[in-house]
């Protein structure tokens, strides 16, 4: 339980998390696991967020895989987009 002072000065517990490496590791691994679960539950690479994010970041005229995805076909995702989507789902 946190004291009133801790709740006022550090409501999210970020300082405590950074001071203790074990707590930091658990927080990062927990966020990663939730991100992975969210990714898998929402359909993995057929996820409804993949194509809109790809359309924002890439030019459809230059990327054949993006043209395929916009036409409703399955197209392999580039590594750069996979990394961005990984970060996105961990943050969600």
PDB file of N, CA and C in Angstrom:
ATOM      1  N   UNK A   1       0.842  -1.182   0.000  1.00  0.00           N
ATOM      2  CA  UNK A   1       0.000   0.000   0.000  1.00  0.00           C
ATOM      3  C   UNK A   1       0.882   1.239   0.000  1.00  0.00           C
ATOM      4  N   UNK A   2       0.456   2.250  -0.719  1.00  0.00           N
ATOM      5  CA  UNK A   2       1.223   3.480  -0.798  1.00  0.00           C
ATOM      6  C   UNK A   2       0.704   4.481   0.225  1.00  0.00           C
ATOM      7  N   UNK A   3       1.613   5.303   0.702  1.00  0.00           N
ATOM      8  CA  UNK A   3       1.217   6.355   1.626  1.00  0.00           C
ATOM      9  C   UNK A   3       0.634   7.523   0.839  1.00  0.00           C
ATOM     10  N   UNK A   4       0.005   8.431   1.539  1.00  0.00           N
ATOM     11  CA  UNK A   4      -0.574   9.620   0.907  1.00  0.00           C
ATOM     12  C   UNK A   4       0.508  10.412   0.187  1.00  0.00           C
ATOM     13  N   UNK A   5       1.692  10.513   0.790  1.00  0.00           N
ATOM     14  CA  UNK A   5       2.803  11.253   0.187  1.00  0.00           C
ATOM     15  C   UNK A   5       3.259  10.589  -1.120  1.00  0.00           C
ATOM     16  N   UNK A   6       3.346   9.264  -1.110  1.00  0.00           N
ATOM     17  CA  UNK A   6       3.745   8.550  -2.331  1.00  0.00           C
ATOM     18  C   UNK A   6       2.710   8.725  -3.436  1.00  0.00           C
ATOM     19  N   UNK A   7       1.447   8.690  -3.057  1.00  0.00           N
ATOM     20  CA  UNK A   7       0.392   8.872  -4.055  1.00  0.00           C
ATOM     21  C   UNK A   7       0.401  10.278  -4.639  1.00  0.00           C
ATOM     22  N   UNK A   8       0.773  11.262  -3.832  1.00  0.00           N
ATOM     23  CA  UNK A   8       0.826  12.645  -4.299  1.00  0.00           C
ATOM     24  C   UNK A   8       2.031  12.887  -5.192  1.00  0.00           C
ATOM     25  N   UNK A   9       3.200  12.376  -4.796  1.00  0.00           N
ATOM     26  CA  UNK A   9       4.443  12.668  -5.512  1.00  0.00           C
ATOM     27  C   UNK A   9       4.728  11.715  -6.666  1.00  0.00           C
ATOM     28  N   UNK A  10       4.262  10.487  -6.582  1.00  0.00           N
ATOM     29  CA  UNK A  10       4.551   9.485  -7.615  1.00  0.00           C
ATOM     30  C   UNK A  10       3.338   8.566  -7.776  1.00  0.00           C
ATOM     31  N   UNK A  11       2.222   9.093  -8.338  1.00  0.00           N
ATOM     32  CA  UNK A  11       0.976   8.316  -8.364  1.00  0.00           C
ATOM     33  C   UNK A  11       1.051   7.024  -9.176  1.00  0.00           C
ATOM     34  N   UNK A  12       1.893   6.965 -10.192  1.00  0.00           N
ATOM     35  CA  UNK A  12       1.995   5.753 -11.009  1.00  0.00           C
ATOM     36  C   UNK A  12       3.064   4.791 -10.507  1.00  0.00           C
ATOM     37  N   UNK A  13       3.830   5.208  -9.510  1.00  0.00           N
ATOM     38  CA  UNK A  13       4.875   4.348  -8.974  1.00  0.00           C
ATOM     39  C   UNK A  13       6.083   4.216  -9.884  1.00  0.00           C
ATOM     40  N   UNK A  14       6.295   5.188 -10.754  1.00  0.00           N
ATOM     41  CA  UNK A  14       7.397   5.109 -11.710  1.00  0.00           C
ATOM     42  C   UNK A  14       8.757   5.186 -11.024  1.00  0.00           C
ATOM     43  N   UNK A  15       8.887   6.049 -10.029  1.00  0.00           N
ATOM     44  CA  UNK A  15      10.177   6.171  -9.346  1.00  0.00           C
ATOM     45  C   UNK A  15      10.529   4.884  -8.619  1.00  0.00           C
ATOM     46  N   UNK A  16       9.559   4.275  -7.975  1.00  0.00           N
ATOM     47  CA  UNK A  16       9.779   3.010  -7.286  1.00  0.00           C
ATOM     48  C   UNK A  16      10.172   1.926  -8.289  1.00  0.00           C
ATOM     49  N   UNK A  17       9.524   1.938  -9.447  1.00  0.00           N
ATOM     50  CA  UNK A  17       9.829   0.947 -10.475  1.00  0.00           C
ATOM     51  C   UNK A  17      11.259   1.120 -10.981  1.00  0.00           C
ATOM     52  N   UNK A  18      11.706   2.360 -11.175  1.00  0.00           N
ATOM     53  CA  UNK A  18      13.054   2.609 -11.687  1.00  0.00           C
ATOM     54  C   UNK A  18      14.119   2.334 -10.639  1.00  0.00           C
ATOM     55  N   UNK A  19      13.769   2.474  -9.366  1.00  0.00           N
ATOM     56  CA  UNK A  19      14.734   2.228  -8.294  1.00  0.00           C
ATOM     57  C   UNK A  19      14.993   0.743  -8.081  1.00  0.00           C
ATOM     58  N   UNK A  20      14.056  -0.093  -8.423  1.00  0.00           N
ATOM     59  CA  UNK A  20      14.182  -1.533  -8.198  1.00  0.00           C
ATOM     60  C   UNK A  20      14.218  -2.251  -9.548  1.00  0.00           C
ATOM     61  N   UNK A  21      15.385  -2.777  -9.958  1.00  0.00           N
ATOM     62  CA  UNK A  21      15.495  -3.440 -11.274  1.00  0.00           C
ATOM     63  C   UNK A  21      14.565  -4.640 -11.429  1.00  0.00           C
ATOM     64  N   UNK A  22      14.301  -5.354 -10.350  1.00  0.00           N
ATOM     65  CA  UNK A  22      13.414  -6.514 -10.435  1.00  0.00           C
ATOM     66  C   UNK A  22      11.995  -6.070 -10.796  1.00  0.00           C
ATOM     67  N   UNK A  23      11.522  -5.020 -10.164  1.00  0.00           N
ATOM     68  CA  UNK A  23      10.194  -4.491 -10.461  1.00  0.00           C
ATOM     69  C   UNK A  23      10.134  -3.973 -11.892  1.00  0.00           C
ATOM     70  N   UNK A  24      11.200  -3.310 -12.332  1.00  0.00           N
ATOM     71  CA  UNK A  24      11.251  -2.803 -13.710  1.00  0.00           C
ATOM     72  C   UNK A  24      11.166  -3.944 -14.713  1.00  0.00           C
ATOM     73  N   UNK A  25      11.920  -5.009 -14.475  1.00  0.00           N
ATOM     74  CA  UNK A  25      11.890  -6.166 -15.364  1.00  0.00           C
ATOM     75  C   UNK A  25      10.523  -6.810 -15.426  1.00  0.00           C
ATOM     76  N   UNK A  26       9.858  -6.918 -14.266  1.00  0.00           N
ATOM     77  CA  UNK A  26       8.516  -7.492 -14.244  1.00  0.00           C
ATOM     78  C   UNK A  26       7.516  -6.611 -14.993  1.00  0.00           C
ATOM     79  N   UNK A  27       7.668  -5.309 -14.867  1.00  0.00           N
ATOM     80  CA  UNK A  27       6.767  -4.388 -15.553  1.00  0.00           C
ATOM     81  C   UNK A  27       6.942  -4.491 -17.064  1.00  0.00           C
ATOM     82  N   UNK A  28       8.185  -4.509 -17.523  1.00  0.00           N
ATOM     83  CA  UNK A  28       8.449  -4.613 -18.960  1.00  0.00           C
ATOM     84  C   UNK A  28       7.966  -5.960 -19.502  1.00  0.00           C
ATOM     85  N   UNK A  29       8.252  -7.036 -18.787  1.00  0.00           N
ATOM     86  CA  UNK A  29       7.814  -8.345 -19.276  1.00  0.00           C
ATOM     87  C   UNK A  29       6.292  -8.458 -19.245  1.00  0.00           C
ATOM     88  N   UNK A  30       5.653  -7.885 -18.233  1.00  0.00           N
ATOM     89  CA  UNK A  30       4.186  -7.910 -18.173  1.00  0.00           C
ATOM     90  C   UNK A  30       3.564  -7.131 -19.317  1.00  0.00           C
ATOM     91  N   UNK A  31       4.108  -5.949 -19.610  1.00  0.00           N
ATOM     92  CA  UNK A  31       3.596  -5.140 -20.718  1.00  0.00           C
ATOM     93  C   UNK A  31       3.795  -5.860 -22.050  1.00  0.00           C
ATOM     94  N   UNK A  32       4.929  -6.529 -22.187  1.00  0.00           N
ATOM     95  CA  UNK A  32       5.205  -7.277 -23.418  1.00  0.00           C
ATOM     96  C   UNK A  32       4.226  -8.433 -23.590  1.00  0.00           C
ATOM     97  N   UNK A  33       3.946  -9.138 -22.510  1.00  0.00           N
ATOM     98  CA  UNK A  33       3.013 -10.263 -22.591  1.00  0.00           C
ATOM     99  C   UNK A  33       1.602  -9.786 -22.927  1.00  0.00           C
ATOM    100  N   UNK A  34       1.152  -8.685 -22.327  1.00  0.00           N
ATOM    101  CA  UNK A  34      -0.170  -8.146 -22.647  1.00  0.00           C
ATOM    102  C   UNK A  34      -0.224  -7.669 -24.091  1.00  0.00           C
ATOM    103  N   UNK A  35       0.851  -7.042 -24.571  1.00  0.00           N
ATOM    104  CA  UNK A  35       0.904  -6.611 -25.966  1.00  0.00           C
ATOM    105  C   UNK A  35       0.819  -7.787 -26.918  1.00  0.00           C
ATOM    106  N   UNK A  36       1.548  -8.870 -26.608  1.00  0.00           N
ATOM    107  CA  UNK A  36       1.512 -10.068 -27.437  1.00  0.00           C
ATOM    108  C   UNK A  36       0.122 -10.697 -27.418  1.00  0.00           C
ATOM    109  N   UNK A  37      -0.496 -10.753 -26.248  1.00  0.00           N
ATOM    110  CA  UNK A  37      -1.845 -11.319 -26.148  1.00  0.00           C
ATOM    111  C   UNK A  37      -2.838 -10.489 -26.961  1.00  0.00           C
ATOM    112  N   UNK A  38      -2.738  -9.165 -26.857  1.00  0.00           N
ATOM    113  CA  UNK A  38      -3.626  -8.289 -27.619  1.00  0.00           C
ATOM    114  C   UNK A  38      -3.421  -8.477 -29.118  1.00  0.00           C
ATOM    115  N   UNK A  39      -2.160  -8.616 -29.534  1.00  0.00           N
ATOM    116  CA  UNK A  39      -1.826  -8.850 -30.941  1.00  0.00           C
ATOM    117  C   UNK A  39      -2.456 -10.156 -31.433  1.00  0.00           C
ATOM    118  N   UNK A  40      -2.330 -11.220 -30.665  1.00  0.00           N
ATOM    119  CA  UNK A  40      -2.862 -12.518 -31.076  1.00  0.00           C
ATOM    120  C   UNK A  40      -4.389 -12.552 -31.044  1.00  0.00           C
ATOM    121  N   UNK A  41      -4.987 -11.956 -30.032  1.00  0.00           N
ATOM    122  CA  UNK A  41      -6.442 -11.970 -29.905  1.00  0.00           C
ATOM    123  C   UNK A  41      -7.102 -11.187 -31.029  1.00  0.00           C
ATOM    124  N   UNK A  42      -6.461 -10.113 -31.482  1.00  0.00           N
ATOM    125  CA  UNK A  42      -7.078  -9.285 -32.524  1.00  0.00           C
ATOM    126  C   UNK A  42      -6.756  -9.764 -33.934  1.00  0.00           C
ATOM    127  N   UNK A  43      -6.155 -10.905 -34.081  1.00  0.00           N
ATOM    128  CA  UNK A  43      -6.006 -11.494 -35.399  1.00  0.00           C
ATOM    129  C   UNK A  43      -4.618 -11.435 -35.983  1.00  0.00           C
ATOM    130  N   UNK A  44      -3.627 -11.128 -35.191  1.00  0.00           N
ATOM    131  CA  UNK A  44      -2.246 -11.145 -35.636  1.00  0.00           C
ATOM    132  C   UNK A  44      -2.039 -10.244 -36.854  1.00  0.00           C
ATOM    133  N   UNK A  45      -1.527 -10.795 -37.945  1.00  0.00           N
ATOM    134  CA  UNK A  45      -1.219  -9.945 -39.106  1.00  0.00           C
ATOM    135  C   UNK A  45      -2.460  -9.562 -39.905  1.00  0.00           C
ATOM    136  N   UNK A  46      -3.588 -10.187 -39.628  1.00  0.00           N
ATOM    137  CA  UNK A  46      -4.831  -9.760 -40.272  1.00  0.00           C
ATOM    138  C   UNK A  46      -5.578  -8.768 -39.376  1.00  0.00           C
ATOM    139  N   UNK A  47      -4.888  -8.245 -38.404  1.00  0.00           N
ATOM    140  CA  UNK A  47      -5.428  -7.289 -37.440  1.00  0.00           C
ATOM    141  C   UNK A  47      -5.983  -6.058 -38.162  1.00  0.00           C
ATOM    142  N   UNK A  48      -7.097  -5.515 -37.712  1.00  0.00           N
ATOM    143  CA  UNK A  48      -7.673  -4.340 -38.373  1.00  0.00           C
ATOM    144  C   UNK A  48      -6.834  -3.070 -38.238  1.00  0.00           C
ATOM    145  N   UNK A  49      -5.851  -3.046 -37.353  1.00  0.00           N
ATOM    146  CA  UNK A  49      -4.993  -1.870 -37.217  1.00  0.00           C
ATOM    147  C   UNK A  49      -3.812  -1.873 -38.182  1.00  0.00           C
ATOM    148  N   UNK A  50      -3.462  -3.037 -38.719  1.00  0.00           N
ATOM    149  CA  UNK A  50      -2.255  -3.150 -39.539  1.00  0.00           C
ATOM    150  C   UNK A  50      -2.335  -2.288 -40.790  1.00  0.00           C
ATOM    151  N   UNK A  51      -3.390  -2.416 -41.556  1.00  0.00           N
ATOM    152  CA  UNK A  51      -3.489  -1.686 -42.823  1.00  0.00           C
ATOM    153  C   UNK A  51      -3.583  -0.176 -42.628  1.00  0.00           C
ATOM    154  N   UNK A  52      -4.404   0.331 -41.695  1.00  0.00           N
ATOM    155  CA  UNK A  52      -4.410   1.789 -41.501  1.00  0.00           C
ATOM    156  C   UNK A  52      -3.057   2.349 -41.052  1.00  0.00           C
ATOM    157  N   UNK A  53      -2.381   1.642 -40.155  1.00  0.00           N
ATOM    158  CA  UNK A  53      -1.056   2.102 -39.717  1.00  0.00           C
ATOM    159  C   UNK A  53      -0.088   2.071 -40.894  1.00  0.00           C
ATOM    160  N   UNK A  54      -0.145   1.015 -41.687  1.00  0.00           N
ATOM    161  CA  UNK A  54       0.729   0.904 -42.862  1.00  0.00           C
ATOM    162  C   UNK A  54       0.431   2.010 -43.873  1.00  0.00           C
ATOM    163  N   UNK A  55      -0.832   2.357 -44.065  1.00  0.00           N
ATOM    164  CA  UNK A  55      -1.188   3.423 -45.004  1.00  0.00           C
ATOM    165  C   UNK A  55      -0.664   4.774 -44.550  1.00  0.00           C
ATOM    166  N   UNK A  56      -0.582   4.978 -43.243  1.00  0.00           N
ATOM    167  CA  UNK A  56      -0.052   6.240 -42.721  1.00  0.00           C
ATOM    168  C   UNK A  56       1.465   6.308 -42.906  1.00  0.00           C
ATOM    169  N   UNK A  57       2.144   5.181 -42.718  1.00  0.00           N
ATOM    170  CA  UNK A  57       3.610   5.169 -42.706  1.00  0.00           C
ATOM    171  C   UNK A  57       4.254   4.910 -44.064  1.00  0.00           C
ATOM    172  N   UNK A  58       3.543   4.254 -44.967  1.00  0.00           N
ATOM    173  CA  UNK A  58       4.129   3.859 -46.241  1.00  0.00           C
ATOM    174  C   UNK A  58       3.318   4.419 -47.403  1.00  0.00           C
ATOM    175  N   UNK A  59       3.959   4.534 -48.559  1.00  0.00           N
ATOM    176  CA  UNK A  59       3.306   5.007 -49.778  1.00  0.00           C
ATOM    177  C   UNK A  59       2.779   3.803 -50.548  1.00  0.00           C
ATOM    178  N   UNK A  60       1.483   3.787 -50.790  1.00  0.00           N
ATOM    179  CA  UNK A  60       0.869   2.640 -51.459  1.00  0.00           C
ATOM    180  C   UNK A  60       1.412   2.446 -52.878  1.00  0.00           C
ATOM    181  N   UNK A  61       1.740   3.533 -53.551  1.00  0.00           N
ATOM    182  CA  UNK A  61       2.224   3.411 -54.927  1.00  0.00           C
ATOM    183  C   UNK A  61       3.605   2.769 -55.014  1.00  0.00           C
ATOM    184  N   UNK A  62       4.388   2.872 -53.927  1.00  0.00           N
ATOM    185  CA  UNK A  62       5.747   2.329 -53.923  1.00  0.00           C
ATOM    186  C   UNK A  62       5.829   0.934 -53.310  1.00  0.00           C
ATOM    187  N   UNK A  63       4.849   0.552 -52.523  1.00  0.00           N
ATOM    188  CA  UNK A  63       4.897  -0.715 -51.793  1.00  0.00           C
ATOM    189  C   UNK A  63       3.854  -1.686 -52.342  1.00  0.00           C
ATOM    190  N   UNK A  64       4.327  -2.749 -52.981  1.00  0.00           N
ATOM    191  CA  UNK A  64       3.423  -3.728 -53.584  1.00  0.00           C
ATOM    192  C   UNK A  64       2.614  -4.478 -52.521  1.00  0.00           C
ATOM    193  N   UNK A  65       3.265  -4.813 -51.401  1.00  0.00           N
ATOM    194  CA  UNK A  65       2.564  -5.533 -50.339  1.00  0.00           C
ATOM    195  C   UNK A  65       1.415  -4.692 -49.781  1.00  0.00           C
ATOM    196  N   UNK A  66       1.579  -3.365 -49.740  1.00  0.00           N
ATOM    197  CA  UNK A  66       0.529  -2.494 -49.230  1.00  0.00           C
ATOM    198  C   UNK A  66      -0.629  -2.399 -50.227  1.00  0.00           C
ATOM    199  N   UNK A  67      -0.312  -2.405 -51.505  1.00  0.00           N
ATOM    200  CA  UNK A  67      -1.370  -2.437 -52.521  1.00  0.00           C
ATOM    201  C   UNK A  67      -2.202  -3.711 -52.368  1.00  0.00           C
ATOM    202  N   UNK A  68      -1.506  -4.839 -52.155  1.00  0.00           N
ATOM    203  CA  UNK A  68      -2.207  -6.113 -51.964  1.00  0.00           C
ATOM    204  C   UNK A  68      -3.119  -6.063 -50.742  1.00  0.00           C
ATOM    205  N   UNK A  69      -2.610  -5.519 -49.646  1.00  0.00           N
ATOM    206  CA  UNK A  69      -3.413  -5.459 -48.410  1.00  0.00           C
ATOM    207  C   UNK A  69      -4.620  -4.537 -48.595  1.00  0.00           C
ATOM    208  N   UNK A  70      -4.433  -3.427 -49.288  1.00  0.00           N
ATOM    209  CA  UNK A  70      -5.558  -2.518 -49.525  1.00  0.00           C
ATOM    210  C   UNK A  70      -6.597  -3.131 -50.463  1.00  0.00           C
ATOM    211  N   UNK A  71      -6.174  -4.048 -51.315  1.00  0.00           N
ATOM    212  CA  UNK A  71      -7.109  -4.750 -52.204  1.00  0.00           C
ATOM    213  C   UNK A  71      -7.768  -5.942 -51.518  1.00  0.00           C
ATOM    214  N   UNK A  72      -7.408  -6.197 -50.251  1.00  0.00           N
ATOM    215  CA  UNK A  72      -8.024  -7.281 -49.501  1.00  0.00           C
ATOM    216  C   UNK A  72      -7.244  -8.574 -49.510  1.00  0.00           C
ATOM    217  N   UNK A  73      -6.061  -8.580 -50.109  1.00  0.00           N
ATOM    218  CA  UNK A  73      -5.227  -9.776 -50.141  1.00  0.00           C
ATOM    219  C   UNK A  73      -4.253  -9.756 -48.969  1.00  0.00           C
ATOM    220  N   UNK A  74      -3.697 -10.922 -48.691  1.00  0.00           N
ATOM    221  CA  UNK A  74      -2.697 -11.010 -47.640  1.00  0.00           C
ATOM    222  C   UNK A  74      -1.336 -10.692 -48.233  1.00  0.00           C
ATOM    223  N   UNK A  75      -0.638  -9.760 -47.627  1.00  0.00           N
ATOM    224  CA  UNK A  75       0.712  -9.422 -48.062  1.00  0.00           C
ATOM    225  C   UNK A  75       1.654  -9.492 -46.879  1.00  0.00           C
ATOM    226  N   UNK A  76       2.832 -10.031 -47.089  1.00  0.00           N
ATOM    227  CA  UNK A  76       3.812 -10.110 -46.009  1.00  0.00           C
ATOM    228  C   UNK A  76       4.198  -8.715 -45.546  1.00  0.00           C
ATOM    229  N   UNK A  77       4.325  -8.562 -44.240  1.00  0.00           N
ATOM    230  CA  UNK A  77       4.678  -7.272 -43.671  1.00  0.00           C
ATOM    231  C   UNK A  77       6.188  -7.119 -43.576  1.00  0.00           C
ATOM    232  N   UNK A  78       6.712  -5.934 -43.852  1.00  0.00           N
ATOM    233  CA  UNK A  78       8.148  -5.722 -43.705  1.00  0.00           C
ATOM    234  C   UNK A  78       8.532  -5.673 -42.230  1.00  0.00           C
ATOM    235  N   UNK A  79       9.784  -5.951 -41.957  1.00  0.00           N
ATOM    236  CA  UNK A  79      10.290  -5.985 -40.581  1.00  0.00           C
ATOM    237  C   UNK A  79      10.086  -4.641 -39.882  1.00  0.00           C
ATOM    238  N   UNK A  80      10.291  -3.546 -40.600  1.00  0.00           N
ATOM    239  CA  UNK A  80      10.142  -2.227 -39.976  1.00  0.00           C
ATOM    240  C   UNK A  80       8.717  -2.018 -39.465  1.00  0.00           C
ATOM    241  N   UNK A  81       7.719  -2.454 -40.231  1.00  0.00           N
ATOM    242  CA  UNK A  81       6.333  -2.315 -39.783  1.00  0.00           C
ATOM    243  C   UNK A  81       6.051  -3.248 -38.611  1.00  0.00           C
ATOM    244  N   UNK A  82       6.607  -4.437 -38.622  1.00  0.00           N
ATOM    245  CA  UNK A  82       6.419  -5.367 -37.507  1.00  0.00           C
ATOM    246  C   UNK A  82       6.979  -4.787 -36.207  1.00  0.00           C
ATOM    247  N   UNK A  83       8.116  -4.109 -36.291  1.00  0.00           N
ATOM    248  CA  UNK A  83       8.712  -3.495 -35.103  1.00  0.00           C
ATOM    249  C   UNK A  83       7.812  -2.371 -34.592  1.00  0.00           C
ATOM    250  N   UNK A  84       7.310  -1.552 -35.499  1.00  0.00           N
ATOM    251  CA  UNK A  84       6.410  -0.459 -35.114  1.00  0.00           C
ATOM    252  C   UNK A  84       5.131  -1.008 -34.492  1.00  0.00           C
ATOM    253  N   UNK A  85       4.561  -2.055 -35.077  1.00  0.00           N
ATOM    254  CA  UNK A  85       3.347  -2.646 -34.530  1.00  0.00           C
ATOM    255  C   UNK A  85       3.608  -3.286 -33.173  1.00  0.00           C
ATOM    256  N   UNK A  86       4.776  -3.873 -32.996  1.00  0.00           N
ATOM    257  CA  UNK A  86       5.127  -4.435 -31.686  1.00  0.00           C
ATOM    258  C   UNK A  86       5.136  -3.361 -30.623  1.00  0.00           C
ATOM    259  N   UNK A  87       5.773  -2.235 -30.933  1.00  0.00           N
ATOM    260  CA  UNK A  87       5.811  -1.117 -29.988  1.00  0.00           C
ATOM    261  C   UNK A  87       4.405  -0.596 -29.721  1.00  0.00           C
ATOM    262  N   UNK A  88       3.599  -0.506 -30.751  1.00  0.00           N
ATOM    263  CA  UNK A  88       2.226  -0.023 -30.611  1.00  0.00           C
ATOM    264  C   UNK A  88       1.417  -0.912 -29.673  1.00  0.00           C
ATOM    265  N   UNK A  89       1.513  -2.218 -29.852  1.00  0.00           N
ATOM    266  CA  UNK A  89       0.719  -3.132 -29.037  1.00  0.00           C
ATOM    267  C   UNK A  89       1.235  -3.235 -27.614  1.00  0.00           C
ATOM    268  N   UNK A  90       2.516  -3.033 -27.393  1.00  0.00           N
ATOM    269  CA  UNK A  90       3.025  -3.000 -26.014  1.00  0.00           C
ATOM    270  C   UNK A  90       2.510  -1.746 -25.321  1.00  0.00           C
ATOM    271  N   UNK A  91       2.441  -0.632 -26.049  1.00  0.00           N
ATOM    272  CA  UNK A  91       1.938   0.618 -25.458  1.00  0.00           C
ATOM    273  C   UNK A  91       0.443   0.556 -25.189  1.00  0.00           C
ATOM    274  N   UNK A  92      -0.296  -0.193 -26.016  1.00  0.00           N
ATOM    275  CA  UNK A  92      -1.739  -0.298 -25.803  1.00  0.00           C
ATOM    276  C   UNK A  92      -1.997  -1.099 -24.550  1.00  0.00           C
TER     277      UNK A  92
END
